[in-house]
Amino acid sequence: MTKRAMQEATFLILTALAGGSRHGYGIITDVAQISGDRVRLRAGTLYSALDRLRLDGLVDVIREEIVDNRLRRYYRLTPEGSRELAAEADRIRSHATTALTRLNAATGTTP
């Protein structure tokens, strides 16, 4: 069975965590920056995704602290999360290369 492509939000969350551990708001701001403000995660979307990613073994909570009477969790990418992110990045790169090669052939331009 072929593995499904990773959802864009998942890809961006894992990409944010590839840069180092982050708390939720840090992930939200990093995802916005990585995507050029095209993707704006809402807190509910982020935490649902993080719960799923934790269950899948792709991210871990590395510490918790109380800031302004609110719990702040810091997340990190697991080795399995790194492998999944790398595989998805390779898949995207392969498709982009094929698309650009075909476009260049069709228009007679070179990359």
PDB file of N, CA and C in Angstrom:
ATOM      1  N   MET A   1       0.837  -1.180   0.000  1.00  0.00           N
ATOM      2  CA  MET A   1       0.000   0.000   0.000  1.00  0.00           C
ATOM      3  C   MET A   1       0.889   1.253   0.000  1.00  0.00           C
ATOM      4  N   THR A   2       0.542   2.224  -0.809  1.00  0.00           N
ATOM      5  CA  THR A   2       1.309   3.452  -0.916  1.00  0.00           C
ATOM      6  C   THR A   2       0.965   4.378   0.249  1.00  0.00           C
ATOM      7  N   LYS A   3       1.994   4.992   0.790  1.00  0.00           N
ATOM      8  CA  LYS A   3       1.804   5.924   1.900  1.00  0.00           C
ATOM      9  C   LYS A   3       1.235   7.239   1.367  1.00  0.00           C
ATOM     10  N   ARG A   4       0.292   7.807   2.101  1.00  0.00           N
ATOM     11  CA  ARG A   4      -0.323   9.073   1.711  1.00  0.00           C
ATOM     12  C   ARG A   4       0.658  10.218   1.877  1.00  0.00           C
ATOM     13  N   ALA A   5       0.475  11.238   1.051  1.00  0.00           N
ATOM     14  CA  ALA A   5       1.269  12.454   1.176  1.00  0.00           C
ATOM     15  C   ALA A   5       0.918  13.133   2.497  1.00  0.00           C
ATOM     16  N   MET A   6       1.884  13.761   3.071  1.00  0.00           N
ATOM     17  CA  MET A   6       1.708  14.466   4.337  1.00  0.00           C
ATOM     18  C   MET A   6       0.915  15.750   4.087  1.00  0.00           C
ATOM     19  N   GLN A   7       0.016  16.081   4.985  1.00  0.00           N
ATOM     20  CA  GLN A   7      -0.724  17.335   4.866  1.00  0.00           C
ATOM     21  C   GLN A   7       0.249  18.499   5.033  1.00  0.00           C
ATOM     22  N   GLU A   8      -0.060  19.593   4.367  1.00  0.00           N
ATOM     23  CA  GLU A   8       0.839  20.746   4.403  1.00  0.00           C
ATOM     24  C   GLU A   8       1.066  21.259   5.822  1.00  0.00           C
ATOM     25  N   ALA A   9       0.020  21.337   6.631  1.00  0.00           N
ATOM     26  CA  ALA A   9       0.189  21.828   8.000  1.00  0.00           C
ATOM     27  C   ALA A   9       1.142  20.931   8.784  1.00  0.00           C
ATOM     28  N   THR A  10       1.008  19.628   8.618  1.00  0.00           N
ATOM     29  CA  THR A  10       1.899  18.683   9.290  1.00  0.00           C
ATOM     30  C   THR A  10       3.333  18.893   8.836  1.00  0.00           C
ATOM     31  N   PHE A  11       3.531  19.018   7.530  1.00  0.00           N
ATOM     32  CA  PHE A  11       4.856  19.251   6.967  1.00  0.00           C
ATOM     33  C   PHE A  11       5.474  20.518   7.563  1.00  0.00           C
ATOM     34  N   LEU A  12       4.701  21.577   7.647  1.00  0.00           N
ATOM     35  CA  LEU A  12       5.215  22.848   8.166  1.00  0.00           C
ATOM     36  C   LEU A  12       5.493  22.787   9.667  1.00  0.00           C
ATOM     37  N   ILE A  13       4.655  22.089  10.418  1.00  0.00           N
ATOM     38  CA  ILE A  13       4.895  21.928  11.859  1.00  0.00           C
ATOM     39  C   ILE A  13       6.193  21.166  12.078  1.00  0.00           C
ATOM     40  N   LEU A  14       6.373  20.066  11.362  1.00  0.00           N
ATOM     41  CA  LEU A  14       7.607  19.290  11.505  1.00  0.00           C
ATOM     42  C   LEU A  14       8.813  20.104  11.044  1.00  0.00           C
ATOM     43  N   THR A  15       8.645  20.894  10.005  1.00  0.00           N
ATOM     44  CA  THR A  15       9.731  21.748   9.531  1.00  0.00           C
ATOM     45  C   THR A  15      10.103  22.778  10.596  1.00  0.00           C
ATOM     46  N   ALA A  16       9.111  23.356  11.238  1.00  0.00           N
ATOM     47  CA  ALA A  16       9.386  24.309  12.315  1.00  0.00           C
ATOM     48  C   ALA A  16      10.187  23.639  13.429  1.00  0.00           C
ATOM     49  N   LEU A  17       9.806  22.423  13.784  1.00  0.00           N
ATOM     50  CA  LEU A  17      10.490  21.711  14.866  1.00  0.00           C
ATOM     51  C   LEU A  17      11.868  21.197  14.445  1.00  0.00           C
ATOM     52  N   ALA A  18      12.107  21.080  13.145  1.00  0.00           N
ATOM     53  CA  ALA A  18      13.435  20.673  12.675  1.00  0.00           C
ATOM     54  C   ALA A  18      14.477  21.736  13.023  1.00  0.00           C
ATOM     55  N   GLY A  19      14.032  22.968  13.230  1.00  0.00           N
ATOM     56  CA  GLY A  19      14.926  24.059  13.614  1.00  0.00           C
ATOM     57  C   GLY A  19      15.231  24.097  15.097  1.00  0.00           C
ATOM     58  N   GLY A  20      14.622  23.212  15.872  1.00  0.00           N
ATOM     59  CA  GLY A  20      14.835  23.170  17.315  1.00  0.00           C
ATOM     60  C   GLY A  20      13.509  23.117  18.052  1.00  0.00           C
ATOM     61  N   SER A  21      13.579  22.851  19.335  1.00  0.00           N
ATOM     62  CA  SER A  21      12.356  22.737  20.132  1.00  0.00           C
ATOM     63  C   SER A  21      11.633  24.083  20.186  1.00  0.00           C
ATOM     64  N   ARG A  22      10.311  24.000  20.265  1.00  0.00           N
ATOM     65  CA  ARG A  22       9.481  25.204  20.305  1.00  0.00           C
ATOM     66  C   ARG A  22       8.226  24.933  21.124  1.00  0.00           C
ATOM     67  N   HIS A  23       7.670  25.996  21.674  1.00  0.00           N
ATOM     68  CA  HIS A  23       6.351  25.896  22.302  1.00  0.00           C
ATOM     69  C   HIS A  23       5.318  26.237  21.239  1.00  0.00           C
ATOM     70  N   GLY A  24       4.056  26.055  21.583  1.00  0.00           N
ATOM     71  CA  GLY A  24       2.979  26.194  20.606  1.00  0.00           C
ATOM     72  C   GLY A  24       2.984  27.500  19.848  1.00  0.00           C
ATOM     73  N   TYR A  25       3.062  28.628  20.561  1.00  0.00           N
ATOM     74  CA  TYR A  25       3.041  29.918  19.880  1.00  0.00           C
ATOM     75  C   TYR A  25       4.268  30.070  18.984  1.00  0.00           C
ATOM     76  N   GLY A  26       5.410  29.551  19.424  1.00  0.00           N
ATOM     77  CA  GLY A  26       6.616  29.586  18.598  1.00  0.00           C
ATOM     78  C   GLY A  26       6.441  28.806  17.311  1.00  0.00           C
ATOM     79  N   ILE A  27       5.744  27.671  17.398  1.00  0.00           N
ATOM     80  CA  ILE A  27       5.466  26.878  16.193  1.00  0.00           C
ATOM     81  C   ILE A  27       4.544  27.659  15.258  1.00  0.00           C
ATOM     82  N   ILE A  28       3.506  28.267  15.809  1.00  0.00           N
ATOM     83  CA  ILE A  28       2.557  29.044  14.994  1.00  0.00           C
ATOM     84  C   ILE A  28       3.277  30.160  14.248  1.00  0.00           C
ATOM     85  N   THR A  29       4.132  30.908  14.939  1.00  0.00           N
ATOM     86  CA  THR A  29       4.831  32.018  14.291  1.00  0.00           C
ATOM     87  C   THR A  29       5.868  31.515  13.284  1.00  0.00           C
ATOM     88  N   ASP A  30       6.530  30.404  13.589  1.00  0.00           N
ATOM     89  CA  ASP A  30       7.520  29.857  12.663  1.00  0.00           C
ATOM     90  C   ASP A  30       6.853  29.321  11.398  1.00  0.00           C
ATOM     91  N   VAL A  31       5.716  28.667  11.540  1.00  0.00           N
ATOM     92  CA  VAL A  31       4.981  28.168  10.368  1.00  0.00           C
ATOM     93  C   VAL A  31       4.564  29.331   9.475  1.00  0.00           C
ATOM     94  N   ALA A  32       4.093  30.415  10.080  1.00  0.00           N
ATOM     95  CA  ALA A  32       3.717  31.592   9.291  1.00  0.00           C
ATOM     96  C   ALA A  32       4.927  32.140   8.541  1.00  0.00           C
ATOM     97  N   GLN A  33       6.070  32.197   9.217  1.00  0.00           N
ATOM     98  CA  GLN A  33       7.296  32.713   8.588  1.00  0.00           C
ATOM     99  C   GLN A  33       7.767  31.797   7.467  1.00  0.00           C
ATOM    100  N   ILE A  34       7.796  30.494   7.718  1.00  0.00           N
ATOM    101  CA  ILE A  34       8.244  29.525   6.713  1.00  0.00           C
ATOM    102  C   ILE A  34       7.374  29.606   5.456  1.00  0.00           C
ATOM    103  N   SER A  35       6.080  29.789   5.647  1.00  0.00           N
ATOM    104  CA  SER A  35       5.143  29.795   4.519  1.00  0.00           C
ATOM    105  C   SER A  35       4.942  31.182   3.916  1.00  0.00           C
ATOM    106  N   GLY A  36       5.715  32.155   4.358  1.00  0.00           N
ATOM    107  CA  GLY A  36       5.525  33.510   3.850  1.00  0.00           C
ATOM    108  C   GLY A  36       4.173  34.080   4.226  1.00  0.00           C
ATOM    109  N   ASP A  37       3.697  33.741   5.414  1.00  0.00           N
ATOM    110  CA  ASP A  37       2.388  34.167   5.946  1.00  0.00           C
ATOM    111  C   ASP A  37       1.207  33.597   5.171  1.00  0.00           C
ATOM    112  N   ARG A  38       1.444  32.606   4.328  1.00  0.00           N
ATOM    113  CA  ARG A  38       0.354  31.968   3.590  1.00  0.00           C
ATOM    114  C   ARG A  38      -0.422  31.008   4.476  1.00  0.00           C
ATOM    115  N   VAL A  39       0.266  30.355   5.422  1.00  0.00           N
ATOM    116  CA  VAL A  39      -0.388  29.409   6.334  1.00  0.00           C
ATOM    117  C   VAL A  39      -0.371  30.017   7.730  1.00  0.00           C
ATOM    118  N   ARG A  40      -1.569  30.218   8.281  1.00  0.00           N
ATOM    119  CA  ARG A  40      -1.735  30.750   9.635  1.00  0.00           C
ATOM    120  C   ARG A  40      -2.473  29.706  10.448  1.00  0.00           C
ATOM    121  N   LEU A  41      -1.740  28.978  11.271  1.00  0.00           N
ATOM    122  CA  LEU A  41      -2.363  27.941  12.094  1.00  0.00           C
ATOM    123  C   LEU A  41      -3.119  28.569  13.254  1.00  0.00           C
ATOM    124  N   ARG A  42      -4.275  28.044  13.530  1.00  0.00           N
ATOM    125  CA  ARG A  42      -5.008  28.422  14.740  1.00  0.00           C
ATOM    126  C   ARG A  42      -4.586  27.481  15.853  1.00  0.00           C
ATOM    127  N   ALA A  43      -4.724  27.931  17.082  1.00  0.00           N
ATOM    128  CA  ALA A  43      -4.278  27.140  18.227  1.00  0.00           C
ATOM    129  C   ALA A  43      -4.939  25.766  18.252  1.00  0.00           C
ATOM    130  N   GLY A  44      -6.230  25.699  18.012  1.00  0.00           N
ATOM    131  CA  GLY A  44      -6.930  24.419  18.037  1.00  0.00           C
ATOM    132  C   GLY A  44      -6.408  23.457  16.985  1.00  0.00           C
ATOM    133  N   THR A  45      -6.143  23.981  15.797  1.00  0.00           N
ATOM    134  CA  THR A  45      -5.585  23.162  14.718  1.00  0.00           C
ATOM    135  C   THR A  45      -4.200  22.657  15.097  1.00  0.00           C
ATOM    136  N   LEU A  46      -3.372  23.554  15.637  1.00  0.00           N
ATOM    137  CA  LEU A  46      -2.016  23.172  16.017  1.00  0.00           C
ATOM    138  C   LEU A  46      -2.021  22.085  17.078  1.00  0.00           C
ATOM    139  N   TYR A  47      -2.780  22.283  18.146  1.00  0.00           N
ATOM    140  CA  TYR A  47      -2.720  21.330  19.251  1.00  0.00           C
ATOM    141  C   TYR A  47      -3.352  19.990  18.887  1.00  0.00           C
ATOM    142  N   SER A  48      -4.350  19.993  18.020  1.00  0.00           N
ATOM    143  CA  SER A  48      -4.884  18.720  17.517  1.00  0.00           C
ATOM    144  C   SER A  48      -3.823  17.991  16.709  1.00  0.00           C
ATOM    145  N   ALA A  49      -3.120  18.734  15.864  1.00  0.00           N
ATOM    146  CA  ALA A  49      -2.051  18.127  15.063  1.00  0.00           C
ATOM    147  C   ALA A  49      -0.923  17.622  15.954  1.00  0.00           C
ATOM    148  N   LEU A  50      -0.531  18.406  16.959  1.00  0.00           N
ATOM    149  CA  LEU A  50       0.547  17.980  17.856  1.00  0.00           C
ATOM    150  C   LEU A  50       0.164  16.721  18.633  1.00  0.00           C
ATOM    151  N   ASP A  51      -1.094  16.639  19.060  1.00  0.00           N
ATOM    152  CA  ASP A  51      -1.552  15.418  19.751  1.00  0.00           C
ATOM    153  C   ASP A  51      -1.431  14.211  18.826  1.00  0.00           C
ATOM    154  N   ARG A  52      -1.842  14.368  17.574  1.00  0.00           N
ATOM    155  CA  ARG A  52      -1.746  13.276  16.603  1.00  0.00           C
ATOM    156  C   ARG A  52      -0.291  12.920  16.328  1.00  0.00           C
ATOM    157  N   LEU A  53       0.543  13.931  16.175  1.00  0.00           N
ATOM    158  CA  LEU A  53       1.968  13.692  15.905  1.00  0.00           C
ATOM    159  C   LEU A  53       2.656  13.012  17.088  1.00  0.00           C
ATOM    160  N   ARG A  54       2.225  13.344  18.297  1.00  0.00           N
ATOM    161  CA  ARG A  54       2.765  12.655  19.489  1.00  0.00           C
ATOM    162  C   ARG A  54       2.359  11.190  19.479  1.00  0.00           C
ATOM    163  N   LEU A  55       1.098  10.921  19.180  1.00  0.00           N
ATOM    164  CA  LEU A  55       0.626   9.538  19.125  1.00  0.00           C
ATOM    165  C   LEU A  55       1.339   8.745  18.036  1.00  0.00           C
ATOM    166  N   ASP A  56       1.692   9.406  16.946  1.00  0.00           N
ATOM    167  CA  ASP A  56       2.402   8.760  15.843  1.00  0.00           C
ATOM    168  C   ASP A  56       3.901   8.637  16.107  1.00  0.00           C
ATOM    169  N   GLY A  57       4.373   9.221  17.209  1.00  0.00           N
ATOM    170  CA  GLY A  57       5.789   9.136  17.562  1.00  0.00           C
ATOM    171  C   GLY A  57       6.693  10.080  16.787  1.00  0.00           C
ATOM    172  N   LEU A  58       6.111  11.118  16.184  1.00  0.00           N
ATOM    173  CA  LEU A  58       6.902  12.054  15.384  1.00  0.00           C
ATOM    174  C   LEU A  58       7.393  13.255  16.173  1.00  0.00           C
ATOM    175  N   VAL A  59       6.707  13.590  17.270  1.00  0.00           N
ATOM    176  CA  VAL A  59       7.141  14.668  18.163  1.00  0.00           C
ATOM    177  C   VAL A  59       7.000  14.212  19.612  1.00  0.00           C
ATOM    178  N   ASP A  60       7.776  14.845  20.468  1.00  0.00           N
ATOM    179  CA  ASP A  60       7.723  14.606  21.917  1.00  0.00           C
ATOM    180  C   ASP A  60       7.570  15.934  22.631  1.00  0.00           C
ATOM    181  N   VAL A  61       7.007  15.887  23.833  1.00  0.00           N
ATOM    182  CA  VAL A  61       7.037  17.034  24.728  1.00  0.00           C
ATOM    183  C   VAL A  61       8.322  16.883  25.532  1.00  0.00           C
ATOM    184  N   ILE A  62       9.156  17.918  25.524  1.00  0.00           N
ATOM    185  CA  ILE A  62      10.423  17.802  26.247  1.00  0.00           C
ATOM    186  C   ILE A  62      10.412  18.517  27.587  1.00  0.00           C
ATOM    187  N   ARG A  63       9.521  19.488  27.740  1.00  0.00           N
ATOM    188  CA  ARG A  63       9.381  20.131  29.051  1.00  0.00           C
ATOM    189  C   ARG A  63       8.100  20.949  29.090  1.00  0.00           C
ATOM    190  N   GLU A  64       7.687  21.240  30.309  1.00  0.00           N
ATOM    191  CA  GLU A  64       6.512  22.070  30.534  1.00  0.00           C
ATOM    192  C   GLU A  64       6.866  23.118  31.569  1.00  0.00           C
ATOM    193  N   GLU A  65       6.249  24.285  31.446  1.00  0.00           N
ATOM    194  CA  GLU A  65       6.445  25.338  32.431  1.00  0.00           C
ATOM    195  C   GLU A  65       5.169  26.166  32.518  1.00  0.00           C
ATOM    196  N   ILE A  66       5.019  26.854  33.597  1.00  0.00           N
ATOM    197  CA  ILE A  66       3.874  27.746  33.773  1.00  0.00           C
ATOM    198  C   ILE A  66       4.347  29.172  33.501  1.00  0.00           C
ATOM    199  N   VAL A  67       3.681  29.834  32.562  1.00  0.00           N
ATOM    200  CA  VAL A  67       3.988  31.217  32.216  1.00  0.00           C
ATOM    201  C   VAL A  67       2.684  31.988  32.273  1.00  0.00           C
ATOM    202  N   ASP A  68       2.631  33.024  33.105  1.00  0.00           N
ATOM    203  CA  ASP A  68       1.409  33.813  33.272  1.00  0.00           C
ATOM    204  C   ASP A  68       0.210  32.927  33.593  1.00  0.00           C
ATOM    205  N   ASN A  69       0.422  31.974  34.500  1.00  0.00           N
ATOM    206  CA  ASN A  69      -0.613  31.036  34.952  1.00  0.00           C
ATOM    207  C   ASN A  69      -1.149  30.136  33.838  1.00  0.00           C
ATOM    208  N   ARG A  70      -0.375  29.943  32.779  1.00  0.00           N
ATOM    209  CA  ARG A  70      -0.770  29.058  31.689  1.00  0.00           C
ATOM    210  C   ARG A  70       0.338  28.044  31.453  1.00  0.00           C
ATOM    211  N   LEU A  71      -0.078  26.835  31.147  1.00  0.00           N
ATOM    212  CA  LEU A  71       0.880  25.776  30.860  1.00  0.00           C
ATOM    213  C   LEU A  71       1.479  25.989  29.473  1.00  0.00           C
ATOM    214  N   ARG A  72       2.805  25.943  29.409  1.00  0.00           N
ATOM    215  CA  ARG A  72       3.506  26.047  28.129  1.00  0.00           C
ATOM    216  C   ARG A  72       4.302  24.753  27.938  1.00  0.00           C
ATOM    217  N   ARG A  73       4.018  24.066  26.852  1.00  0.00           N
ATOM    218  CA  ARG A  73       4.738  22.829  26.528  1.00  0.00           C
ATOM    219  C   ARG A  73       5.719  23.109  25.396  1.00  0.00           C
ATOM    220  N   TYR A  74       6.869  22.498  25.516  1.00  0.00           N
ATOM    221  CA  TYR A  74       7.882  22.587  24.465  1.00  0.00           C
ATOM    222  C   TYR A  74       7.955  21.244  23.754  1.00  0.00           C
ATOM    223  N   TYR A  75       7.925  21.297  22.435  1.00  0.00           N
ATOM    224  CA  TYR A  75       7.912  20.107  21.603  1.00  0.00           C
ATOM    225  C   TYR A  75       9.221  19.994  20.840  1.00  0.00           C
ATOM    226  N   ARG A  76       9.587  18.754  20.521  1.00  0.00           N
ATOM    227  CA  ARG A  76      10.756  18.522  19.682  1.00  0.00           C
ATOM    228  C   ARG A  76      10.435  17.412  18.696  1.00  0.00           C
ATOM    229  N   LEU A  77      11.169  17.413  17.617  1.00  0.00           N
ATOM    230  CA  LEU A  77      11.071  16.383  16.598  1.00  0.00           C
ATOM    231  C   LEU A  77      11.772  15.121  17.113  1.00  0.00           C
ATOM    232  N   THR A  78      11.156  13.969  16.931  1.00  0.00           N
ATOM    233  CA  THR A  78      11.803  12.702  17.295  1.00  0.00           C
ATOM    234  C   THR A  78      12.639  12.226  16.095  1.00  0.00           C
ATOM    235  N   PRO A  79      13.501  11.238  16.305  1.00  0.00           N
ATOM    236  CA  PRO A  79      14.228  10.678  15.153  1.00  0.00           C
ATOM    237  C   PRO A  79      13.277  10.178  14.060  1.00  0.00           C
ATOM    238  N   GLU A  80      12.178   9.548  14.454  1.00  0.00           N
ATOM    239  CA  GLU A  80      11.186   9.098  13.467  1.00  0.00           C
ATOM    240  C   GLU A  80      10.562  10.293  12.750  1.00  0.00           C
ATOM    241  N   GLY A  81      10.303  11.371  13.485  1.00  0.00           N
ATOM    242  CA  GLY A  81       9.776  12.582  12.868  1.00  0.00           C
ATOM    243  C   GLY A  81      10.738  13.165  11.855  1.00  0.00           C
ATOM    244  N   SER A  82      12.030  13.128  12.172  1.00  0.00           N
ATOM    245  CA  SER A  82      13.047  13.605  11.227  1.00  0.00           C
ATOM    246  C   SER A  82      13.050  12.761   9.959  1.00  0.00           C
ATOM    247  N   ARG A  83      12.946  11.445  10.128  1.00  0.00           N
ATOM    248  CA  ARG A  83      12.920  10.553   8.960  1.00  0.00           C
ATOM    249  C   ARG A  83      11.688  10.815   8.091  1.00  0.00           C
ATOM    250  N   GLU A  84      10.539  10.976   8.727  1.00  0.00           N
ATOM    251  CA  GLU A  84       9.298  11.232   7.974  1.00  0.00           C
ATOM    252  C   GLU A  84       9.365  12.570   7.245  1.00  0.00           C
ATOM    253  N   LEU A  85       9.889  13.588   7.907  1.00  0.00           N
ATOM    254  CA  LEU A  85      10.018  14.906   7.283  1.00  0.00           C
ATOM    255  C   LEU A  85      10.974  14.837   6.097  1.00  0.00           C
ATOM    256  N   ALA A  86      12.094  14.165   6.262  1.00  0.00           N
ATOM    257  CA  ALA A  86      13.065  14.029   5.164  1.00  0.00           C
ATOM    258  C   ALA A  86      12.446  13.287   3.979  1.00  0.00           C
ATOM    259  N   ALA A  87      11.703  12.225   4.256  1.00  0.00           N
ATOM    260  CA  ALA A  87      11.060  11.457   3.186  1.00  0.00           C
ATOM    261  C   ALA A  87      10.047  12.317   2.432  1.00  0.00           C
ATOM    262  N   GLU A  88       9.277  13.107   3.165  1.00  0.00           N
ATOM    263  CA  GLU A  88       8.277  13.967   2.520  1.00  0.00           C
ATOM    264  C   GLU A  88       8.953  15.075   1.718  1.00  0.00           C
ATOM    265  N   ALA A  89      10.024  15.652   2.257  1.00  0.00           N
ATOM    266  CA  ALA A  89      10.760  16.690   1.525  1.00  0.00           C
ATOM    267  C   ALA A  89      11.336  16.112   0.227  1.00  0.00           C
ATOM    268  N   ASP A  90      11.854  14.891   0.282  1.00  0.00           N
ATOM    269  CA  ASP A  90      12.373  14.236  -0.933  1.00  0.00           C
ATOM    270  C   ASP A  90      11.263  13.983  -1.946  1.00  0.00           C
ATOM    271  N   ARG A  91      10.083  13.569  -1.457  1.00  0.00           N
ATOM    272  CA  ARG A  91       8.943  13.323  -2.347  1.00  0.00           C
ATOM    273  C   ARG A  91       8.535  14.616  -3.046  1.00  0.00           C
ATOM    274  N   ILE A  92       8.446  15.698  -2.292  1.00  0.00           N
ATOM    275  CA  ILE A  92       8.064  16.994  -2.864  1.00  0.00           C
ATOM    276  C   ILE A  92       9.113  17.457  -3.872  1.00  0.00           C
ATOM    277  N   ARG A  93      10.383  17.327  -3.512  1.00  0.00           N
ATOM    278  CA  ARG A  93      11.462  17.736  -4.420  1.00  0.00           C
ATOM    279  C   ARG A  93      11.406  16.938  -5.728  1.00  0.00           C
ATOM    280  N   SER A  94      11.163  15.647  -5.630  1.00  0.00           N
ATOM    281  CA  SER A  94      11.091  14.796  -6.820  1.00  0.00           C
ATOM    282  C   SER A  94       9.964  15.240  -7.740  1.00  0.00           C
ATOM    283  N   HIS A  95       8.800  15.509  -7.167  1.00  0.00           N
ATOM    284  CA  HIS A  95       7.660  15.958  -7.978  1.00  0.00           C
ATOM    285  C   HIS A  95       7.932  17.329  -8.599  1.00  0.00           C
ATOM    286  N   ALA A  96       8.545  18.223  -7.823  1.00  0.00           N
ATOM    287  CA  ALA A  96       8.849  19.555  -8.347  1.00  0.00           C
ATOM    288  C   ALA A  96       9.865  19.473  -9.485  1.00  0.00           C
ATOM    289  N   THR A  97      10.863  18.620  -9.327  1.00  0.00           N
ATOM    290  CA  THR A  97      11.862  18.447 -10.387  1.00  0.00           C
ATOM    291  C   THR A  97      11.223  17.929 -11.664  1.00  0.00           C
ATOM    292  N   THR A  98      10.340  16.949 -11.523  1.00  0.00           N
ATOM    293  CA  THR A  98       9.644  16.405 -12.694  1.00  0.00           C
ATOM    294  C   THR A  98       8.794  17.481 -13.364  1.00  0.00           C
ATOM    295  N   ALA A  99       8.069  18.248 -12.571  1.00  0.00           N
ATOM    296  CA  ALA A  99       7.216  19.300 -13.123  1.00  0.00           C
ATOM    297  C   ALA A  99       8.049  20.343 -13.857  1.00  0.00           C
ATOM    298  N   LEU A 100       9.147  20.783 -13.253  1.00  0.00           N
ATOM    299  CA  LEU A 100       9.990  21.798 -13.890  1.00  0.00           C
ATOM    300  C   LEU A 100      10.657  21.268 -15.155  1.00  0.00           C
ATOM    301  N   THR A 101      11.081  20.022 -15.123  1.00  0.00           N
ATOM    302  CA  THR A 101      11.682  19.415 -16.312  1.00  0.00           C
ATOM    303  C   THR A 101      10.677  19.380 -17.455  1.00  0.00           C
ATOM    304  N   ARG A 102       9.464  18.980 -17.157  1.00  0.00           N
ATOM    305  CA  ARG A 102       8.429  18.916 -18.206  1.00  0.00           C
ATOM    306  C   ARG A 102       8.039  20.301 -18.702  1.00  0.00           C
ATOM    307  N   LEU A 103       7.952  21.266 -17.779  1.00  0.00           N
ATOM    308  CA  LEU A 103       7.636  22.623 -18.201  1.00  0.00           C
ATOM    309  C   LEU A 103       8.738  23.185 -19.078  1.00  0.00           C
ATOM    310  N   ASN A 104       9.969  22.956 -18.696  1.00  0.00           N
ATOM    311  CA  ASN A 104      11.104  23.447 -19.488  1.00  0.00           C
ATOM    312  C   ASN A 104      11.129  22.805 -20.866  1.00  0.00           C
ATOM    313  N   ALA A 105      10.831  21.506 -20.929  1.00  0.00           N
ATOM    314  CA  ALA A 105      10.797  20.807 -22.227  1.00  0.00           C
ATOM    315  C   ALA A 105       9.680  21.361 -23.104  1.00  0.00           C
ATOM    316  N   ALA A 106       8.545  21.650 -22.483  1.00  0.00           N
ATOM    317  CA  ALA A 106       7.382  22.148 -23.237  1.00  0.00           C
ATOM    318  C   ALA A 106       7.603  23.564 -23.745  1.00  0.00           C
ATOM    319  N   THR A 107       8.345  24.356 -22.988  1.00  0.00           N
ATOM    320  CA  THR A 107       8.555  25.756 -23.389  1.00  0.00           C
ATOM    321  C   THR A 107       9.895  25.979 -24.067  1.00  0.00           C
ATOM    322  N   GLY A 108      10.735  24.939 -24.083  1.00  0.00           N
ATOM    323  CA  GLY A 108      12.037  25.053 -24.724  1.00  0.00           C
ATOM    324  C   GLY A 108      13.044  25.835 -23.924  1.00  0.00           C
ATOM    325  N   THR A 109      12.834  25.959 -22.630  1.00  0.00           N
ATOM    326  CA  THR A 109      13.784  26.671 -21.766  1.00  0.00           C
ATOM    327  C   THR A 109      14.616  25.676 -20.972  1.00  0.00           C
ATOM    328  N   THR A 110      15.661  26.168 -20.383  1.00  0.00           N
ATOM    329  CA  THR A 110      16.489  25.315 -19.543  1.00  0.00           C
ATOM    330  C   THR A 110      16.362  25.770 -18.103  1.00  0.00           C
ATOM    331  N   PRO A 111      16.530  24.815 -17.163  1.00  0.00           N
ATOM    332  CA  PRO A 111      16.367  25.186 -15.752  1.00  0.00           C
ATOM    333  C   PRO A 111      17.415  26.159 -15.282  1.00  0.00           C
TER     334      PRO A 111
END
